[in-house]
Amino acid sequence: MTICDAAGKPIENRPLWDGTGADCLIVICSRLSAVDKRIDAEIKAFRNVCPGGKVIPYVIDGIPNAKLPQEECFPPMLRANETEEAFAVSGKGTGAAPCAAASDSDVV
């Protein structure tokens, strides 16, 4: 199945937006989004277009920086650096929960 934009053009190999004027990117994190290459590409595109922007992970399923790959909810661009700490917002419970940061310091 090919995913297309409103004009009918395939969007598989390009960002869904240009990032103009964005201060942050909210990433819905789940076990499915952790393995979706398009999600990872969106995060990479955001960091390229908005280098000072913040990435806000919103966890709905899975575990950030999980020891078991099948439990991981972060896409590769958000996975732990182990030298930093950040917060991810959880849709499963009481709100913000501490977790190891992603590969860059722009995760809140």
N, C-alpha and C. Protein backbone atom coordinates (compact mmCIF):
# COMPACT_ATOMS: atom_id res chain seq x y z
N MET A 1 0.83 -1.17 0.00
CA MET A 1 0.00 0.00 0.00
C MET A 1 0.88 1.25 0.00
N THR A 2 0.58 2.20 -0.84
CA THR A 2 1.31 3.45 -0.92
C THR A 2 0.51 4.55 -0.24
N ILE A 3 1.14 5.30 0.63
CA ILE A 3 0.49 6.42 1.29
C ILE A 3 0.75 7.67 0.46
N CYS A 4 -0.33 8.43 0.17
CA CYS A 4 -0.22 9.60 -0.70
C CYS A 4 -0.71 10.85 0.02
N ASP A 5 -0.23 11.99 -0.48
CA ASP A 5 -0.72 13.26 0.05
C ASP A 5 -2.04 13.63 -0.62
N ALA A 6 -2.56 14.82 -0.31
CA ALA A 6 -3.85 15.24 -0.86
C ALA A 6 -3.84 15.34 -2.37
N ALA A 7 -2.67 15.57 -2.96
CA ALA A 7 -2.55 15.67 -4.42
C ALA A 7 -2.35 14.30 -5.07
N GLY A 8 -2.28 13.25 -4.26
CA GLY A 8 -2.11 11.91 -4.80
C GLY A 8 -0.66 11.51 -5.03
N LYS A 9 0.29 12.31 -4.54
CA LYS A 9 1.70 12.00 -4.72
C LYS A 9 2.20 11.14 -3.55
N PRO A 10 2.99 10.10 -3.81
CA PRO A 10 3.51 9.26 -2.72
C PRO A 10 4.37 10.07 -1.75
N ILE A 11 4.22 9.76 -0.45
CA ILE A 11 4.96 10.50 0.57
C ILE A 11 6.01 9.64 1.27
N GLU A 12 6.25 8.47 0.79
CA GLU A 12 7.15 7.54 1.46
C GLU A 12 8.56 8.07 1.64
N ASN A 13 9.07 8.82 0.69
CA ASN A 13 10.47 9.24 0.74
C ASN A 13 10.68 10.72 1.00
N ARG A 14 9.69 11.36 1.57
CA ARG A 14 9.84 12.77 1.89
C ARG A 14 9.08 13.10 3.16
N PRO A 15 9.51 14.13 3.87
CA PRO A 15 8.82 14.52 5.10
C PRO A 15 7.38 14.93 4.80
N LEU A 16 6.49 14.79 5.78
CA LEU A 16 5.10 15.17 5.60
C LEU A 16 4.89 16.67 5.71
N TRP A 17 5.89 17.40 6.21
CA TRP A 17 5.80 18.84 6.37
C TRP A 17 7.19 19.44 6.20
N ASP A 18 7.26 20.76 6.05
CA ASP A 18 8.57 21.37 5.84
C ASP A 18 9.20 21.92 7.11
N GLY A 19 8.48 21.91 8.23
CA GLY A 19 9.04 22.36 9.50
C GLY A 19 9.10 23.85 9.69
N THR A 20 8.64 24.61 8.72
CA THR A 20 8.71 26.06 8.79
C THR A 20 7.99 26.58 10.03
N GLY A 21 8.72 27.34 10.84
CA GLY A 21 8.13 27.97 12.00
C GLY A 21 7.90 27.07 13.20
N ALA A 22 8.32 25.84 13.15
CA ALA A 22 8.07 24.92 14.26
C ALA A 22 9.10 25.10 15.38
N ASP A 23 8.62 25.06 16.61
CA ASP A 23 9.49 25.10 17.78
C ASP A 23 9.68 23.72 18.38
N CYS A 24 8.71 22.84 18.12
CA CYS A 24 8.78 21.51 18.69
C CYS A 24 8.09 20.50 17.77
N LEU A 25 8.40 19.25 18.02
CA LEU A 25 7.78 18.14 17.30
C LEU A 25 7.31 17.15 18.35
N ILE A 26 6.02 16.87 18.37
CA ILE A 26 5.48 15.87 19.28
C ILE A 26 5.45 14.54 18.53
N VAL A 27 6.10 13.54 19.09
CA VAL A 27 6.18 12.22 18.46
C VAL A 27 5.35 11.25 19.29
N ILE A 28 4.32 10.67 18.67
CA ILE A 28 3.52 9.65 19.32
C ILE A 28 4.33 8.36 19.29
N CYS A 29 4.73 7.87 20.46
CA CYS A 29 5.63 6.72 20.56
C CYS A 29 4.87 5.47 20.98
N SER A 30 5.07 4.42 20.20
CA SER A 30 4.46 3.12 20.48
C SER A 30 5.39 2.05 19.94
N ARG A 31 5.05 0.81 20.21
CA ARG A 31 5.87 -0.28 19.68
C ARG A 31 5.83 -0.28 18.15
N LEU A 32 4.73 0.17 17.56
CA LEU A 32 4.65 0.23 16.09
C LEU A 32 5.45 1.41 15.54
N SER A 33 5.39 2.57 16.19
CA SER A 33 6.14 3.72 15.69
C SER A 33 7.64 3.53 15.85
N ALA A 34 8.05 2.68 16.80
CA ALA A 34 9.47 2.43 17.02
C ALA A 34 10.14 1.78 15.82
N VAL A 35 9.37 1.08 15.00
CA VAL A 35 9.94 0.39 13.84
C VAL A 35 9.50 1.00 12.51
N ASP A 36 8.78 2.13 12.58
CA ASP A 36 8.30 2.79 11.36
C ASP A 36 9.37 3.74 10.84
N LYS A 37 9.91 3.45 9.68
CA LYS A 37 10.99 4.27 9.11
C LYS A 37 10.54 5.68 8.79
N ARG A 38 9.25 5.88 8.50
CA ARG A 38 8.74 7.22 8.20
C ARG A 38 8.79 8.11 9.44
N ILE A 39 8.49 7.54 10.61
CA ILE A 39 8.54 8.32 11.85
C ILE A 39 9.97 8.78 12.11
N ASP A 40 10.91 7.85 11.94
CA ASP A 40 12.32 8.19 12.13
C ASP A 40 12.76 9.28 11.15
N ALA A 41 12.28 9.18 9.91
CA ALA A 41 12.62 10.17 8.88
C ALA A 41 12.04 11.54 9.24
N GLU A 42 10.85 11.58 9.82
CA GLU A 42 10.25 12.85 10.23
C GLU A 42 11.07 13.52 11.32
N ILE A 43 11.54 12.73 12.28
CA ILE A 43 12.36 13.28 13.36
C ILE A 43 13.67 13.83 12.80
N LYS A 44 14.28 13.08 11.91
CA LYS A 44 15.53 13.53 11.29
C LYS A 44 15.32 14.82 10.49
N ALA A 45 14.23 14.87 9.72
CA ALA A 45 13.92 16.08 8.94
C ALA A 45 13.69 17.27 9.86
N PHE A 46 12.97 17.07 10.95
CA PHE A 46 12.72 18.15 11.90
C PHE A 46 14.04 18.68 12.47
N ARG A 47 14.92 17.78 12.85
CA ARG A 47 16.21 18.21 13.43
C ARG A 47 17.05 18.95 12.40
N ASN A 48 16.93 18.60 11.13
CA ASN A 48 17.68 19.30 10.08
C ASN A 48 17.11 20.69 9.82
N VAL A 49 15.79 20.80 9.80
CA VAL A 49 15.13 22.07 9.48
C VAL A 49 15.09 22.99 10.69
N CYS A 50 14.93 22.42 11.88
CA CYS A 50 14.80 23.20 13.12
C CYS A 50 15.83 22.71 14.14
N PRO A 51 17.10 23.01 13.94
CA PRO A 51 18.14 22.47 14.82
C PRO A 51 17.98 22.84 16.29
N GLY A 52 17.34 23.92 16.62
CA GLY A 52 17.12 24.29 18.01
C GLY A 52 15.80 23.82 18.56
N GLY A 53 15.00 23.16 17.73
CA GLY A 53 13.68 22.71 18.15
C GLY A 53 13.72 21.55 19.12
N LYS A 54 12.66 21.38 19.87
CA LYS A 54 12.55 20.30 20.86
C LYS A 54 11.69 19.17 20.31
N VAL A 55 12.10 17.95 20.64
CA VAL A 55 11.31 16.77 20.30
C VAL A 55 10.64 16.31 21.59
N ILE A 56 9.31 16.18 21.57
CA ILE A 56 8.56 15.77 22.75
C ILE A 56 7.95 14.39 22.49
N PRO A 57 8.51 13.35 23.10
CA PRO A 57 7.95 12.01 22.94
C PRO A 57 6.69 11.84 23.80
N TYR A 58 5.61 11.34 23.20
CA TYR A 58 4.37 11.06 23.91
C TYR A 58 4.13 9.56 23.81
N VAL A 59 4.33 8.86 24.90
CA VAL A 59 4.30 7.39 24.91
C VAL A 59 2.88 6.89 25.12
N ILE A 60 2.39 6.10 24.16
CA ILE A 60 1.06 5.49 24.29
C ILE A 60 1.14 3.97 24.43
N ASP A 61 2.30 3.40 24.09
CA ASP A 61 2.45 1.95 24.17
C ASP A 61 3.93 1.62 24.16
N GLY A 62 4.34 0.64 24.94
CA GLY A 62 5.73 0.23 24.97
C GLY A 62 6.52 0.95 26.04
N ILE A 63 7.84 0.72 26.01
CA ILE A 63 8.75 1.24 27.04
C ILE A 63 9.90 2.00 26.36
N PRO A 64 10.17 3.25 26.81
CA PRO A 64 11.32 3.98 26.25
C PRO A 64 12.63 3.27 26.59
N ASN A 65 13.48 3.12 25.61
CA ASN A 65 14.80 2.52 25.78
C ASN A 65 14.73 1.15 26.46
N ALA A 66 13.79 0.35 26.00
CA ALA A 66 13.54 -0.98 26.58
C ALA A 66 14.72 -1.92 26.35
N LYS A 67 14.88 -2.85 27.25
CA LYS A 67 15.91 -3.87 27.09
C LYS A 67 15.53 -4.90 26.04
N LEU A 68 14.23 -5.17 25.90
CA LEU A 68 13.74 -6.11 24.90
C LEU A 68 13.22 -5.33 23.69
N PRO A 69 13.73 -5.62 22.49
CA PRO A 69 13.33 -4.86 21.30
C PRO A 69 11.82 -4.83 21.06
N GLN A 70 11.11 -5.88 21.38
CA GLN A 70 9.67 -5.92 21.14
C GLN A 70 8.88 -5.01 22.08
N GLU A 71 9.53 -4.50 23.13
CA GLU A 71 8.88 -3.57 24.06
C GLU A 71 9.23 -2.11 23.79
N GLU A 72 10.20 -1.85 22.91
CA GLU A 72 10.69 -0.50 22.62
C GLU A 72 9.59 0.35 21.99
N CYS A 73 9.49 1.62 22.46
CA CYS A 73 8.52 2.54 21.87
C CYS A 73 9.19 3.71 21.15
N PHE A 74 10.49 3.93 21.37
CA PHE A 74 11.17 5.04 20.72
C PHE A 74 11.72 4.62 19.36
N PRO A 75 11.52 5.47 18.33
CA PRO A 75 12.20 5.25 17.05
C PRO A 75 13.71 5.43 17.26
N PRO A 76 14.54 4.90 16.37
CA PRO A 76 15.99 4.99 16.54
C PRO A 76 16.51 6.42 16.81
N MET A 77 15.92 7.44 16.18
CA MET A 77 16.39 8.82 16.38
C MET A 77 16.16 9.33 17.81
N LEU A 78 15.37 8.61 18.62
CA LEU A 78 15.09 9.04 19.99
C LEU A 78 15.70 8.13 21.04
N ARG A 79 16.38 7.10 20.63
CA ARG A 79 16.88 6.12 21.60
C ARG A 79 18.01 6.65 22.46
N ALA A 80 18.25 6.00 23.59
CA ALA A 80 19.13 6.48 24.65
C ALA A 80 20.57 6.67 24.24
N ASN A 81 21.12 7.73 24.79
CA ASN A 81 22.53 8.03 24.68
C ASN A 81 23.24 7.55 25.94
N GLU A 82 22.47 7.34 27.01
CA GLU A 82 22.93 6.89 28.31
C GLU A 82 23.79 7.90 29.06
N THR A 83 24.06 9.06 28.46
CA THR A 83 24.81 10.10 29.18
C THR A 83 23.90 11.27 29.53
N GLU A 84 22.67 11.23 29.06
CA GLU A 84 21.73 12.31 29.28
C GLU A 84 20.45 11.76 29.87
N GLU A 85 19.65 12.64 30.45
CA GLU A 85 18.35 12.23 30.95
C GLU A 85 17.31 13.21 30.44
N ALA A 86 16.13 12.71 30.17
CA ALA A 86 15.05 13.55 29.66
C ALA A 86 13.73 13.02 30.19
N PHE A 87 12.66 13.66 29.77
CA PHE A 87 11.33 13.22 30.14
C PHE A 87 10.53 12.92 28.89
N ALA A 88 9.70 11.90 29.00
CA ALA A 88 8.73 11.59 27.96
C ALA A 88 7.37 11.70 28.62
N VAL A 89 6.39 12.16 27.89
CA VAL A 89 5.03 12.25 28.41
C VAL A 89 4.35 10.94 28.11
N SER A 90 3.68 10.40 29.11
CA SER A 90 3.00 9.13 28.96
C SER A 90 1.50 9.33 28.87
N GLY A 91 0.89 8.71 27.88
CA GLY A 91 -0.55 8.72 27.75
C GLY A 91 -1.18 7.56 28.49
N LYS A 92 -0.35 6.79 29.18
CA LYS A 92 -0.83 5.58 29.85
C LYS A 92 -1.06 5.76 31.33
N GLY A 93 -0.65 6.89 31.90
CA GLY A 93 -0.74 6.99 33.35
C GLY A 93 -0.83 8.40 33.84
N THR A 94 0.12 8.79 34.68
CA THR A 94 0.03 10.04 35.42
C THR A 94 0.74 11.22 34.78
N GLY A 95 1.29 11.09 33.60
CA GLY A 95 1.94 12.23 32.97
C GLY A 95 3.40 11.98 32.68
N ALA A 96 4.24 12.97 32.97
CA ALA A 96 5.66 12.87 32.63
C ALA A 96 6.35 11.79 33.46
N ALA A 97 7.19 11.03 32.79
CA ALA A 97 7.94 9.98 33.46
C ALA A 97 9.39 10.08 33.04
N PRO A 98 10.34 9.94 33.98
CA PRO A 98 11.75 10.03 33.59
C PRO A 98 12.14 8.86 32.71
N CYS A 99 13.00 9.13 31.77
CA CYS A 99 13.52 8.08 30.90
C CYS A 99 14.86 8.56 30.38
N ALA A 100 15.67 7.65 29.89
CA ALA A 100 16.95 8.05 29.31
C ALA A 100 16.69 8.85 28.05
N ALA A 101 17.49 9.83 27.78
CA ALA A 101 17.28 10.74 26.66
C ALA A 101 17.60 10.07 25.34
N ALA A 102 17.19 10.76 24.32
CA ALA A 102 17.50 10.32 22.97
C ALA A 102 18.93 10.67 22.64
N SER A 103 19.28 10.48 21.38
CA SER A 103 20.66 10.66 20.97
C SER A 103 21.13 12.11 21.01
N ASP A 104 20.21 13.06 21.06
CA ASP A 104 20.57 14.47 21.13
C ASP A 104 19.95 15.10 22.36
N SER A 105 20.42 16.27 22.73
CA SER A 105 19.91 16.93 23.93
C SER A 105 18.64 17.72 23.67
N ASP A 106 18.02 17.56 22.51
CA ASP A 106 16.82 18.33 22.20
C ASP A 106 15.54 17.62 22.56
N VAL A 107 15.63 16.56 23.33
CA VAL A 107 14.43 15.88 23.80
C VAL A 107 14.10 16.42 25.17
N VAL A 108 12.83 16.73 25.39
CA VAL A 108 12.42 17.25 26.70
C VAL A 108 11.69 16.18 27.47
